[in-house]
Amino acid sequence: MCAGAITEALRKRSVDVPAAQQDGTARLGDPELLDRAMALGRVLFSQDADLLREATRRQRSGAQFFGVVYAHQLKVTDRECIEDLEALAKIYEPSDMANRVVYLPL
């Protein structure tokens, strides 16, 4: 759920990045997308404020999700996203991100 340039740059840096557009889940609603990420053990990166709201709702209600990294489109550059996402991927195990929302830039 981000610019293709970010996805490609992360892959070039050996970060395992599936894309919703590639596995046919780009059209899922936010609750279903978070459920799918949970089932796959994947943290979501998004610049979609609606997904952020759903993650926040789940945090408040105690509903499980696997983690969201959020970047406001006007407050972070693609380069910052790439560098911060690479750092997160190398520092944390996906399970460390469970039920958390991380905001970029770090």
PDB file of N, CA and C in Angstrom:
ATOM      1  N   MET A   1       0.835  -1.181   0.000  1.00  0.00           N
ATOM      2  CA  MET A   1       0.000   0.000   0.000  1.00  0.00           C
ATOM      3  C   MET A   1       0.882   1.248   0.000  1.00  0.00           C
ATOM      4  N   CYS A   2       1.823   1.264  -0.917  1.00  0.00           N
ATOM      5  CA  CYS A   2       2.718   2.414  -0.996  1.00  0.00           C
ATOM      6  C   CYS A   2       3.229   2.543  -2.419  1.00  0.00           C
ATOM      7  N   ALA A   3       3.990   3.570  -2.636  1.00  0.00           N
ATOM      8  CA  ALA A   3       4.565   3.812  -3.950  1.00  0.00           C
ATOM      9  C   ALA A   3       5.439   2.637  -4.374  1.00  0.00           C
ATOM     10  N   GLY A   4       5.325   2.260  -5.628  1.00  0.00           N
ATOM     11  CA  GLY A   4       6.123   1.164  -6.154  1.00  0.00           C
ATOM     12  C   GLY A   4       7.612   1.399  -6.005  1.00  0.00           C
ATOM     13  N   ALA A   5       8.036   2.664  -6.054  1.00  0.00           N
ATOM     14  CA  ALA A   5       9.458   2.987  -5.902  1.00  0.00           C
ATOM     15  C   ALA A   5       9.966   2.578  -4.524  1.00  0.00           C
ATOM     16  N   ILE A   6       9.137   2.717  -3.509  1.00  0.00           N
ATOM     17  CA  ILE A   6       9.531   2.320  -2.154  1.00  0.00           C
ATOM     18  C   ILE A   6       9.682   0.804  -2.090  1.00  0.00           C
ATOM     19  N   THR A   7       8.713   0.096  -2.634  1.00  0.00           N
ATOM     20  CA  THR A   7       8.756  -1.366  -2.653  1.00  0.00           C
ATOM     21  C   THR A   7      10.005  -1.864  -3.372  1.00  0.00           C
ATOM     22  N   GLU A   8      10.261  -1.332  -4.546  1.00  0.00           N
ATOM     23  CA  GLU A   8      11.411  -1.777  -5.330  1.00  0.00           C
ATOM     24  C   GLU A   8      12.736  -1.453  -4.644  1.00  0.00           C
ATOM     25  N   ALA A   9      12.844  -0.269  -4.062  1.00  0.00           N
ATOM     26  CA  ALA A   9      14.080   0.106  -3.365  1.00  0.00           C
ATOM     27  C   ALA A   9      14.337  -0.817  -2.178  1.00  0.00           C
ATOM     28  N   LEU A  10      13.279  -1.167  -1.449  1.00  0.00           N
ATOM     29  CA  LEU A  10      13.450  -2.076  -0.308  1.00  0.00           C
ATOM     30  C   LEU A  10      13.875  -3.458  -0.770  1.00  0.00           C
ATOM     31  N   ARG A  11      13.314  -3.923  -1.866  1.00  0.00           N
ATOM     32  CA  ARG A  11      13.712  -5.232  -2.391  1.00  0.00           C
ATOM     33  C   ARG A  11      15.177  -5.233  -2.805  1.00  0.00           C
ATOM     34  N   LYS A  12      15.644  -4.136  -3.392  1.00  0.00           N
ATOM     35  CA  LYS A  12      17.054  -4.028  -3.777  1.00  0.00           C
ATOM     36  C   LYS A  12      17.963  -4.060  -2.549  1.00  0.00           C
ATOM     37  N   ARG A  13      17.412  -3.687  -1.399  1.00  0.00           N
ATOM     38  CA  ARG A  13      18.173  -3.716  -0.144  1.00  0.00           C
ATOM     39  C   ARG A  13      17.932  -5.016   0.621  1.00  0.00           C
ATOM     40  N   SER A  14      17.382  -6.001  -0.058  1.00  0.00           N
ATOM     41  CA  SER A  14      17.135  -7.349   0.492  1.00  0.00           C
ATOM     42  C   SER A  14      16.111  -7.372   1.616  1.00  0.00           C
ATOM     43  N   VAL A  15      15.144  -6.464   1.565  1.00  0.00           N
ATOM     44  CA  VAL A  15      14.039  -6.482   2.528  1.00  0.00           C
ATOM     45  C   VAL A  15      12.888  -7.238   1.862  1.00  0.00           C
ATOM     46  N   ASP A  16      12.361  -8.245   2.549  1.00  0.00           N
ATOM     47  CA  ASP A  16      11.262  -9.060   2.027  1.00  0.00           C
ATOM     48  C   ASP A  16       9.977  -8.239   2.073  1.00  0.00           C
ATOM     49  N   VAL A  17       9.513  -7.824   0.903  1.00  0.00           N
ATOM     50  CA  VAL A  17       8.363  -6.927   0.825  1.00  0.00           C
ATOM     51  C   VAL A  17       7.337  -7.478  -0.164  1.00  0.00           C
ATOM     52  N   PRO A  18       6.280  -8.106   0.327  1.00  0.00           N
ATOM     53  CA  PRO A  18       5.185  -8.443  -0.582  1.00  0.00           C
ATOM     54  C   PRO A  18       4.355  -7.181  -0.813  1.00  0.00           C
ATOM     55  N   ALA A  19       3.683  -7.109  -1.916  1.00  0.00           N
ATOM     56  CA  ALA A  19       2.838  -5.941  -2.209  1.00  0.00           C
ATOM     57  C   ALA A  19       1.400  -6.393  -2.398  1.00  0.00           C
ATOM     58  N   ALA A  20       0.480  -5.653  -1.811  1.00  0.00           N
ATOM     59  CA  ALA A  20      -0.944  -5.992  -1.912  1.00  0.00           C
ATOM     60  C   ALA A  20      -1.385  -6.057  -3.366  1.00  0.00           C
ATOM     61  N   GLN A  21      -0.814  -5.217  -4.208  1.00  0.00           N
ATOM     62  CA  GLN A  21      -1.187  -5.214  -5.613  1.00  0.00           C
ATOM     63  C   GLN A  21      -0.795  -6.521  -6.305  1.00  0.00           C
ATOM     64  N   GLN A  22       0.251  -7.169  -5.830  1.00  0.00           N
ATOM     65  CA  GLN A  22       0.738  -8.386  -6.460  1.00  0.00           C
ATOM     66  C   GLN A  22      -0.003  -9.638  -6.021  1.00  0.00           C
ATOM     67  N   ASP A  23      -0.523  -9.646  -4.808  1.00  0.00           N
ATOM     68  CA  ASP A  23      -1.208 -10.864  -4.361  1.00  0.00           C
ATOM     69  C   ASP A  23      -2.726 -10.728  -4.398  1.00  0.00           C
ATOM     70  N   GLY A  24      -3.215  -9.661  -5.035  1.00  0.00           N
ATOM     71  CA  GLY A  24      -4.650  -9.513  -5.237  1.00  0.00           C
ATOM     72  C   GLY A  24      -5.415  -9.001  -4.037  1.00  0.00           C
ATOM     73  N   THR A  25      -4.733  -8.483  -3.031  1.00  0.00           N
ATOM     74  CA  THR A  25      -5.443  -8.013  -1.842  1.00  0.00           C
ATOM     75  C   THR A  25      -5.591  -6.497  -1.795  1.00  0.00           C
ATOM     76  N   ALA A  26      -5.181  -5.800  -2.843  1.00  0.00           N
ATOM     77  CA  ALA A  26      -5.237  -4.331  -2.847  1.00  0.00           C
ATOM     78  C   ALA A  26      -6.659  -3.809  -2.709  1.00  0.00           C
ATOM     79  N   ARG A  27      -7.617  -4.602  -3.078  1.00  0.00           N
ATOM     80  CA  ARG A  27      -9.014  -4.152  -3.016  1.00  0.00           C
ATOM     81  C   ARG A  27      -9.728  -4.544  -1.733  1.00  0.00           C
ATOM     82  N   LEU A  28      -9.030  -5.194  -0.836  1.00  0.00           N
ATOM     83  CA  LEU A  28      -9.640  -5.553   0.442  1.00  0.00           C
ATOM     84  C   LEU A  28      -9.891  -4.299   1.265  1.00  0.00           C
ATOM     85  N   GLY A  29     -10.926  -4.343   2.079  1.00  0.00           N
ATOM     86  CA  GLY A  29     -11.163  -3.264   3.023  1.00  0.00           C
ATOM     87  C   GLY A  29     -10.107  -3.301   4.114  1.00  0.00           C
ATOM     88  N   ASP A  30      -9.989  -2.215   4.853  1.00  0.00           N
ATOM     89  CA  ASP A  30      -8.949  -2.132   5.886  1.00  0.00           C
ATOM     90  C   ASP A  30      -9.047  -3.234   6.936  1.00  0.00           C
ATOM     91  N   PRO A  31     -10.233  -3.556   7.463  1.00  0.00           N
ATOM     92  CA  PRO A  31     -10.296  -4.644   8.450  1.00  0.00           C
ATOM     93  C   PRO A  31      -9.819  -5.985   7.872  1.00  0.00           C
ATOM     94  N   GLU A  32     -10.217  -6.263   6.644  1.00  0.00           N
ATOM     95  CA  GLU A  32      -9.815  -7.519   6.008  1.00  0.00           C
ATOM     96  C   GLU A  32      -8.315  -7.530   5.713  1.00  0.00           C
ATOM     97  N   LEU A  33      -7.774  -6.387   5.333  1.00  0.00           N
ATOM     98  CA  LEU A  33      -6.342  -6.295   5.059  1.00  0.00           C
ATOM     99  C   LEU A  33      -5.529  -6.539   6.333  1.00  0.00           C
ATOM    100  N   LEU A  34      -5.966  -5.962   7.444  1.00  0.00           N
ATOM    101  CA  LEU A  34      -5.282  -6.205   8.720  1.00  0.00           C
ATOM    102  C   LEU A  34      -5.421  -7.661   9.152  1.00  0.00           C
ATOM    103  N   ASP A  35      -6.579  -8.264   8.915  1.00  0.00           N
ATOM    104  CA  ASP A  35      -6.770  -9.686   9.237  1.00  0.00           C
ATOM    105  C   ASP A  35      -5.853 -10.563   8.392  1.00  0.00           C
ATOM    106  N   ARG A  36      -5.741 -10.240   7.102  1.00  0.00           N
ATOM    107  CA  ARG A  36      -4.872 -11.024   6.215  1.00  0.00           C
ATOM    108  C   ARG A  36      -3.414 -10.888   6.653  1.00  0.00           C
ATOM    109  N   ALA A  37      -2.987  -9.671   6.975  1.00  0.00           N
ATOM    110  CA  ALA A  37      -1.611  -9.471   7.439  1.00  0.00           C
ATOM    111  C   ALA A  37      -1.358 -10.263   8.715  1.00  0.00           C
ATOM    112  N   MET A  38      -2.346 -10.308   9.591  1.00  0.00           N
ATOM    113  CA  MET A  38      -2.228 -11.078  10.836  1.00  0.00           C
ATOM    114  C   MET A  38      -2.048 -12.565  10.517  1.00  0.00           C
ATOM    115  N   ALA A  39      -2.855 -13.077   9.590  1.00  0.00           N
ATOM    116  CA  ALA A  39      -2.766 -14.488   9.223  1.00  0.00           C
ATOM    117  C   ALA A  39      -1.408 -14.827   8.595  1.00  0.00           C
ATOM    118  N   LEU A  40      -0.827 -13.871   7.880  1.00  0.00           N
ATOM    119  CA  LEU A  40       0.459 -14.094   7.221  1.00  0.00           C
ATOM    120  C   LEU A  40       1.658 -13.724   8.099  1.00  0.00           C
ATOM    121  N   GLY A  41       1.390 -13.114   9.259  1.00  0.00           N
ATOM    122  CA  GLY A  41       2.474 -12.679  10.124  1.00  0.00           C
ATOM    123  C   GLY A  41       3.263 -11.531   9.531  1.00  0.00           C
ATOM    124  N   ARG A  42       2.541 -10.591   8.908  1.00  0.00           N
ATOM    125  CA  ARG A  42       3.176  -9.478   8.205  1.00  0.00           C
ATOM    126  C   ARG A  42       2.778  -8.139   8.804  1.00  0.00           C
ATOM    127  N   VAL A  43       3.754  -7.261   8.892  1.00  0.00           N
ATOM    128  CA  VAL A  43       3.515  -5.877   9.291  1.00  0.00           C
ATOM    129  C   VAL A  43       3.126  -5.121   8.032  1.00  0.00           C
ATOM    130  N   LEU A  44       2.139  -4.236   8.151  1.00  0.00           N
ATOM    131  CA  LEU A  44       1.722  -3.424   7.004  1.00  0.00           C
ATOM    132  C   LEU A  44       2.383  -2.054   7.051  1.00  0.00           C
ATOM    133  N   PHE A  45       2.823  -1.582   5.897  1.00  0.00           N
ATOM    134  CA  PHE A  45       3.240  -0.193   5.739  1.00  0.00           C
ATOM    135  C   PHE A  45       2.182   0.483   4.900  1.00  0.00           C
ATOM    136  N   SER A  46       1.752   1.653   5.349  1.00  0.00           N
ATOM    137  CA  SER A  46       0.717   2.353   4.608  1.00  0.00           C
ATOM    138  C   SER A  46       0.858   3.862   4.754  1.00  0.00           C
ATOM    139  N   GLN A  47       0.339   4.540   3.759  1.00  0.00           N
ATOM    140  CA  GLN A  47       0.214   5.986   3.801  1.00  0.00           C
ATOM    141  C   GLN A  47      -1.272   6.351   3.765  1.00  0.00           C
ATOM    142  N   ASP A  48      -2.105   5.391   4.117  1.00  0.00           N
ATOM    143  CA  ASP A  48      -3.560   5.524   4.102  1.00  0.00           C
ATOM    144  C   ASP A  48      -4.076   5.804   5.511  1.00  0.00           C
ATOM    145  N   ALA A  49      -4.637   6.990   5.692  1.00  0.00           N
ATOM    146  CA  ALA A  49      -5.123   7.388   7.021  1.00  0.00           C
ATOM    147  C   ALA A  49      -6.269   6.502   7.495  1.00  0.00           C
ATOM    148  N   ASP A  50      -7.054   5.940   6.581  1.00  0.00           N
ATOM    149  CA  ASP A  50      -8.143   5.052   6.982  1.00  0.00           C
ATOM    150  C   ASP A  50      -7.602   3.778   7.630  1.00  0.00           C
ATOM    151  N   LEU A  51      -6.524   3.239   7.088  1.00  0.00           N
ATOM    152  CA  LEU A  51      -5.913   2.050   7.694  1.00  0.00           C
ATOM    153  C   LEU A  51      -5.360   2.387   9.071  1.00  0.00           C
ATOM    154  N   LEU A  52      -4.781   3.563   9.203  1.00  0.00           N
ATOM    155  CA  LEU A  52      -4.286   4.020  10.502  1.00  0.00           C
ATOM    156  C   LEU A  52      -5.425   4.094  11.516  1.00  0.00           C
ATOM    157  N   ARG A  53      -6.555   4.616  11.105  1.00  0.00           N
ATOM    158  CA  ARG A  53      -7.721   4.682  12.006  1.00  0.00           C
ATOM    159  C   ARG A  53      -8.176   3.288  12.433  1.00  0.00           C
ATOM    160  N   GLU A  54      -8.180   2.348  11.503  1.00  0.00           N
ATOM    161  CA  GLU A  54      -8.590   0.981  11.844  1.00  0.00           C
ATOM    162  C   GLU A  54      -7.600   0.347  12.818  1.00  0.00           C
ATOM    163  N   ALA A  55      -6.315   0.560  12.610  1.00  0.00           N
ATOM    164  CA  ALA A  55      -5.309   0.023  13.530  1.00  0.00           C
ATOM    165  C   ALA A  55      -5.466   0.643  14.918  1.00  0.00           C
ATOM    166  N   THR A  56      -5.703   1.944  14.966  1.00  0.00           N
ATOM    167  CA  THR A  56      -5.906   2.634  16.241  1.00  0.00           C
ATOM    168  C   THR A  56      -7.160   2.117  16.943  1.00  0.00           C
ATOM    169  N   ARG A  57      -8.206   1.883  16.177  1.00  0.00           N
ATOM    170  CA  ARG A  57      -9.437   1.328  16.747  1.00  0.00           C
ATOM    171  C   ARG A  57      -9.155  -0.042  17.364  1.00  0.00           C
ATOM    172  N   ARG A  58      -8.377  -0.845  16.667  1.00  0.00           N
ATOM    173  CA  ARG A  58      -8.045  -2.168  17.194  1.00  0.00           C
ATOM    174  C   ARG A  58      -7.193  -2.070  18.457  1.00  0.00           C
ATOM    175  N   GLN A  59      -6.266  -1.141  18.484  1.00  0.00           N
ATOM    176  CA  GLN A  59      -5.463  -0.960  19.698  1.00  0.00           C
ATOM    177  C   GLN A  59      -6.363  -0.640  20.879  1.00  0.00           C
ATOM    178  N   ARG A  60      -7.302   0.266  20.682  1.00  0.00           N
ATOM    179  CA  ARG A  60      -8.186   0.693  21.774  1.00  0.00           C
ATOM    180  C   ARG A  60      -9.126  -0.404  22.228  1.00  0.00           C
ATOM    181  N   SER A  61      -9.548  -1.243  21.294  1.00  0.00           N
ATOM    182  CA  SER A  61     -10.504  -2.292  21.634  1.00  0.00           C
ATOM    183  C   SER A  61      -9.826  -3.589  22.079  1.00  0.00           C
ATOM    184  N   GLY A  62      -8.507  -3.660  21.896  1.00  0.00           N
ATOM    185  CA  GLY A  62      -7.787  -4.875  22.252  1.00  0.00           C
ATOM    186  C   GLY A  62      -7.814  -5.940  21.176  1.00  0.00           C
ATOM    187  N   ALA A  63      -8.329  -5.608  19.988  1.00  0.00           N
ATOM    188  CA  ALA A  63      -8.343  -6.557  18.870  1.00  0.00           C
ATOM    189  C   ALA A  63      -6.928  -6.704  18.316  1.00  0.00           C
ATOM    190  N   GLN A  64      -6.555  -7.901  17.985  1.00  0.00           N
ATOM    191  CA  GLN A  64      -5.200  -8.193  17.529  1.00  0.00           C
ATOM    192  C   GLN A  64      -4.966  -7.752  16.085  1.00  0.00           C
ATOM    193  N   PHE A  65      -3.769  -7.268  15.825  1.00  0.00           N
ATOM    194  CA  PHE A  65      -3.288  -7.054  14.463  1.00  0.00           C
ATOM    195  C   PHE A  65      -1.774  -7.169  14.518  1.00  0.00           C
ATOM    196  N   PHE A  66      -1.147  -7.314  13.367  1.00  0.00           N
ATOM    197  CA  PHE A  66       0.269  -7.648  13.381  1.00  0.00           C
ATOM    198  C   PHE A  66       1.187  -6.446  13.366  1.00  0.00           C
ATOM    199  N   GLY A  67       0.661  -5.277  13.267  1.00  0.00           N
ATOM    200  CA  GLY A  67       1.476  -4.072  13.293  1.00  0.00           C
ATOM    201  C   GLY A  67       1.324  -3.253  12.029  1.00  0.00           C
ATOM    202  N   VAL A  68       1.411  -1.946  12.197  1.00  0.00           N
ATOM    203  CA  VAL A  68       1.294  -1.012  11.081  1.00  0.00           C
ATOM    204  C   VAL A  68       2.399   0.020  11.204  1.00  0.00           C
ATOM    205  N   VAL A  69       3.035   0.298  10.091  1.00  0.00           N
ATOM    206  CA  VAL A  69       3.967   1.412   9.984  1.00  0.00           C
ATOM    207  C   VAL A  69       3.272   2.425   9.087  1.00  0.00           C
ATOM    208  N   TYR A  70       3.099   3.639   9.618  1.00  0.00           N
ATOM    209  CA  TYR A  70       2.342   4.671   8.901  1.00  0.00           C
ATOM    210  C   TYR A  70       3.223   5.873   8.598  1.00  0.00           C
ATOM    211  N   ALA A  71       3.076   6.380   7.386  1.00  0.00           N
ATOM    212  CA  ALA A  71       3.775   7.603   6.978  1.00  0.00           C
ATOM    213  C   ALA A  71       2.788   8.517   6.271  1.00  0.00           C
ATOM    214  N   HIS A  72       2.615   9.718   6.782  1.00  0.00           N
ATOM    215  CA  HIS A  72       1.759  10.702   6.121  1.00  0.00           C
ATOM    216  C   HIS A  72       2.442  11.121   4.827  1.00  0.00           C
ATOM    217  N   GLN A  73       1.708  11.116   3.735  1.00  0.00           N
ATOM    218  CA  GLN A  73       2.286  11.383   2.418  1.00  0.00           C
ATOM    219  C   GLN A  73       2.980  12.737   2.313  1.00  0.00           C
ATOM    220  N   LEU A  74       2.524  13.711   3.064  1.00  0.00           N
ATOM    221  CA  LEU A  74       3.087  15.051   2.958  1.00  0.00           C
ATOM    222  C   LEU A  74       4.171  15.341   3.992  1.00  0.00           C
ATOM    223  N   LYS A  75       4.412  14.395   4.887  1.00  0.00           N
ATOM    224  CA  LYS A  75       5.351  14.642   5.979  1.00  0.00           C
ATOM    225  C   LYS A  75       6.605  13.790   5.936  1.00  0.00           C
ATOM    226  N   VAL A  76       6.737  12.966   4.923  1.00  0.00           N
ATOM    227  CA  VAL A  76       7.902  12.093   4.814  1.00  0.00           C
ATOM    228  C   VAL A  76       8.191  11.841   3.336  1.00  0.00           C
ATOM    229  N   THR A  77       9.461  11.819   2.996  1.00  0.00           N
ATOM    230  CA  THR A  77       9.845  11.555   1.611  1.00  0.00           C
ATOM    231  C   THR A  77       9.955  10.050   1.378  1.00  0.00           C
ATOM    232  N   ASP A  78       9.958   9.662   0.117  1.00  0.00           N
ATOM    233  CA  ASP A  78      10.160   8.256  -0.207  1.00  0.00           C
ATOM    234  C   ASP A  78      11.500   7.781   0.340  1.00  0.00           C
ATOM    235  N   ARG A  79      12.516   8.605   0.223  1.00  0.00           N
ATOM    236  CA  ARG A  79      13.853   8.229   0.717  1.00  0.00           C
ATOM    237  C   ARG A  79      13.826   7.962   2.223  1.00  0.00           C
ATOM    238  N   GLU A  80      13.144   8.829   2.983  1.00  0.00           N
ATOM    239  CA  GLU A  80      13.026   8.607   4.430  1.00  0.00           C
ATOM    240  C   GLU A  80      12.277   7.311   4.712  1.00  0.00           C
ATOM    241  N   CYS A  81      11.206   7.064   3.956  1.00  0.00           N
ATOM    242  CA  CYS A  81      10.450   5.816   4.134  1.00  0.00           C
ATOM    243  C   CYS A  81      11.343   4.609   3.897  1.00  0.00           C
ATOM    244  N   ILE A  82      12.095   4.650   2.819  1.00  0.00           N
ATOM    245  CA  ILE A  82      12.968   3.524   2.482  1.00  0.00           C
ATOM    246  C   ILE A  82      13.982   3.281   3.591  1.00  0.00           C
ATOM    247  N   GLU A  83      14.656   4.323   4.016  1.00  0.00           N
ATOM    248  CA  GLU A  83      15.679   4.170   5.050  1.00  0.00           C
ATOM    249  C   GLU A  83      15.086   3.704   6.376  1.00  0.00           C
ATOM    250  N   ASP A  84      13.963   4.294   6.772  1.00  0.00           N
ATOM    251  CA  ASP A  84      13.342   3.914   8.048  1.00  0.00           C
ATOM    252  C   ASP A  84      12.752   2.510   7.997  1.00  0.00           C
ATOM    253  N   LEU A  85      12.122   2.148   6.884  1.00  0.00           N
ATOM    254  CA  LEU A  85      11.559   0.801   6.770  1.00  0.00           C
ATOM    255  C   LEU A  85      12.655  -0.255   6.749  1.00  0.00           C
ATOM    256  N   GLU A  86      13.752   0.036   6.078  1.00  0.00           N
ATOM    257  CA  GLU A  86      14.882  -0.894   6.083  1.00  0.00           C
ATOM    258  C   GLU A  86      15.408  -1.076   7.508  1.00  0.00           C
ATOM    259  N   ALA A  87      15.538   0.020   8.232  1.00  0.00           N
ATOM    260  CA  ALA A  87      16.023  -0.068   9.616  1.00  0.00           C
ATOM    261  C   ALA A  87      15.067  -0.895  10.474  1.00  0.00           C
ATOM    262  N   LEU A  88      13.778  -0.642  10.360  1.00  0.00           N
ATOM    263  CA  LEU A  88      12.797  -1.408  11.138  1.00  0.00           C
ATOM    264  C   LEU A  88      12.879  -2.893  10.806  1.00  0.00           C
ATOM    265  N   ALA A  89      13.011  -3.211   9.525  1.00  0.00           N
ATOM    266  CA  ALA A  89      13.071  -4.612   9.099  1.00  0.00           C
ATOM    267  C   ALA A  89      14.308  -5.316   9.640  1.00  0.00           C
ATOM    268  N   LYS A  90      15.385  -4.575   9.796  1.00  0.00           N
ATOM    269  CA  LYS A  90      16.629  -5.182  10.271  1.00  0.00           C
ATOM    270  C   LYS A  90      16.726  -5.231  11.787  1.00  0.00           C
ATOM    271  N   ILE A  91      16.027  -4.339  12.457  1.00  0.00           N
ATOM    272  CA  ILE A  91      16.087  -4.267  13.916  1.00  0.00           C
ATOM    273  C   ILE A  91      15.064  -5.184  14.582  1.00  0.00           C
ATOM    274  N   TYR A  92      13.858  -5.212  14.038  1.00  0.00           N
ATOM    275  CA  TYR A  92      12.753  -5.930  14.677  1.00  0.00           C
ATOM    276  C   TYR A  92      12.396  -7.206  13.946  1.00  0.00           C
ATOM    277  N   GLU A  93      11.955  -8.175  14.706  1.00  0.00           N
ATOM    278  CA  GLU A  93      11.257  -9.329  14.151  1.00  0.00           C
ATOM    279  C   GLU A  93       9.810  -8.885  13.948  1.00  0.00           C
ATOM    280  N   PRO A  94       9.120  -9.428  12.964  1.00  0.00           N
ATOM    281  CA  PRO A  94       7.723  -9.020  12.777  1.00  0.00           C
ATOM    282  C   PRO A  94       6.879  -9.151  14.048  1.00  0.00           C
ATOM    283  N   SER A  95       7.116 -10.190  14.835  1.00  0.00           N
ATOM    284  CA  SER A  95       6.326 -10.384  16.050  1.00  0.00           C
ATOM    285  C   SER A  95       6.549  -9.273  17.076  1.00  0.00           C
ATOM    286  N   ASP A  96       7.695  -8.593  17.002  1.00  0.00           N
ATOM    287  CA  ASP A  96       7.957  -7.460  17.896  1.00  0.00           C
ATOM    288  C   ASP A  96       7.016  -6.292  17.612  1.00  0.00           C
ATOM    289  N   MET A  97       6.439  -6.272  16.436  1.00  0.00           N
ATOM    290  CA  MET A  97       5.593  -5.164  16.009  1.00  0.00           C
ATOM    291  C   MET A  97       4.108  -5.415  16.281  1.00  0.00           C
ATOM    292  N   ALA A  98       3.784  -6.579  16.818  1.00  0.00           N
ATOM    293  CA  ALA A  98       2.381  -6.939  17.035  1.00  0.00           C
ATOM    294  C   ALA A  98       1.640  -5.871  17.821  1.00  0.00           C
ATOM    295  N   ASN A  99       0.505  -5.481  17.291  1.00  0.00           N
ATOM    296  CA  ASN A  99      -0.422  -4.531  17.928  1.00  0.00           C
ATOM    297  C   ASN A  99       0.178  -3.136  18.114  1.00  0.00           C
ATOM    298  N   ARG A 100       1.194  -2.818  17.345  1.00  0.00           N
ATOM    299  CA  ARG A 100       1.833  -1.504  17.433  1.00  0.00           C
ATOM    300  C   ARG A 100       1.597  -0.703  16.158  1.00  0.00           C
ATOM    301  N   VAL A 101       1.596   0.603  16.308  1.00  0.00           N
ATOM    302  CA  VAL A 101       1.620   1.523  15.180  1.00  0.00           C
ATOM    303  C   VAL A 101       2.897   2.339  15.316  1.00  0.00           C
ATOM    304  N   VAL A 102       3.705   2.337  14.280  1.00  0.00           N
ATOM    305  CA  VAL A 102       4.943   3.113  14.250  1.00  0.00           C
ATOM    306  C   VAL A 102       4.774   4.185  13.191  1.00  0.00           C
ATOM    307  N   TYR A 103       5.156   5.397  13.543  1.00  0.00           N
ATOM    308  CA  TYR A 103       5.022   6.522  12.627  1.00  0.00           C
ATOM    309  C   TYR A 103       6.367   6.892  12.019  1.00  0.00           C
ATOM    310  N   LEU A 104       6.365   7.142  10.716  1.00  0.00           N
ATOM    311  CA  LEU A 104       7.538   7.627  10.016  1.00  0.00           C
ATOM    312  C   LEU A 104       7.383   9.115   9.739  1.00  0.00           C
ATOM    313  N   PRO A 105       8.483   9.874   9.736  1.00  0.00           N
ATOM    314  CA  PRO A 105       9.840   9.413   9.945  1.00  0.00           C
ATOM    315  C   PRO A 105      10.087   9.051  11.400  1.00  0.00           C
ATOM    316  N   LEU A 106      11.063   8.155  11.589  1.00  0.00           N
ATOM    317  CA  LEU A 106      11.406   7.715  12.941  1.00  0.00           C
ATOM    318  C   LEU A 106      11.995   8.852  13.742  1.00  0.00           C
TER     319      LEU A 106
END
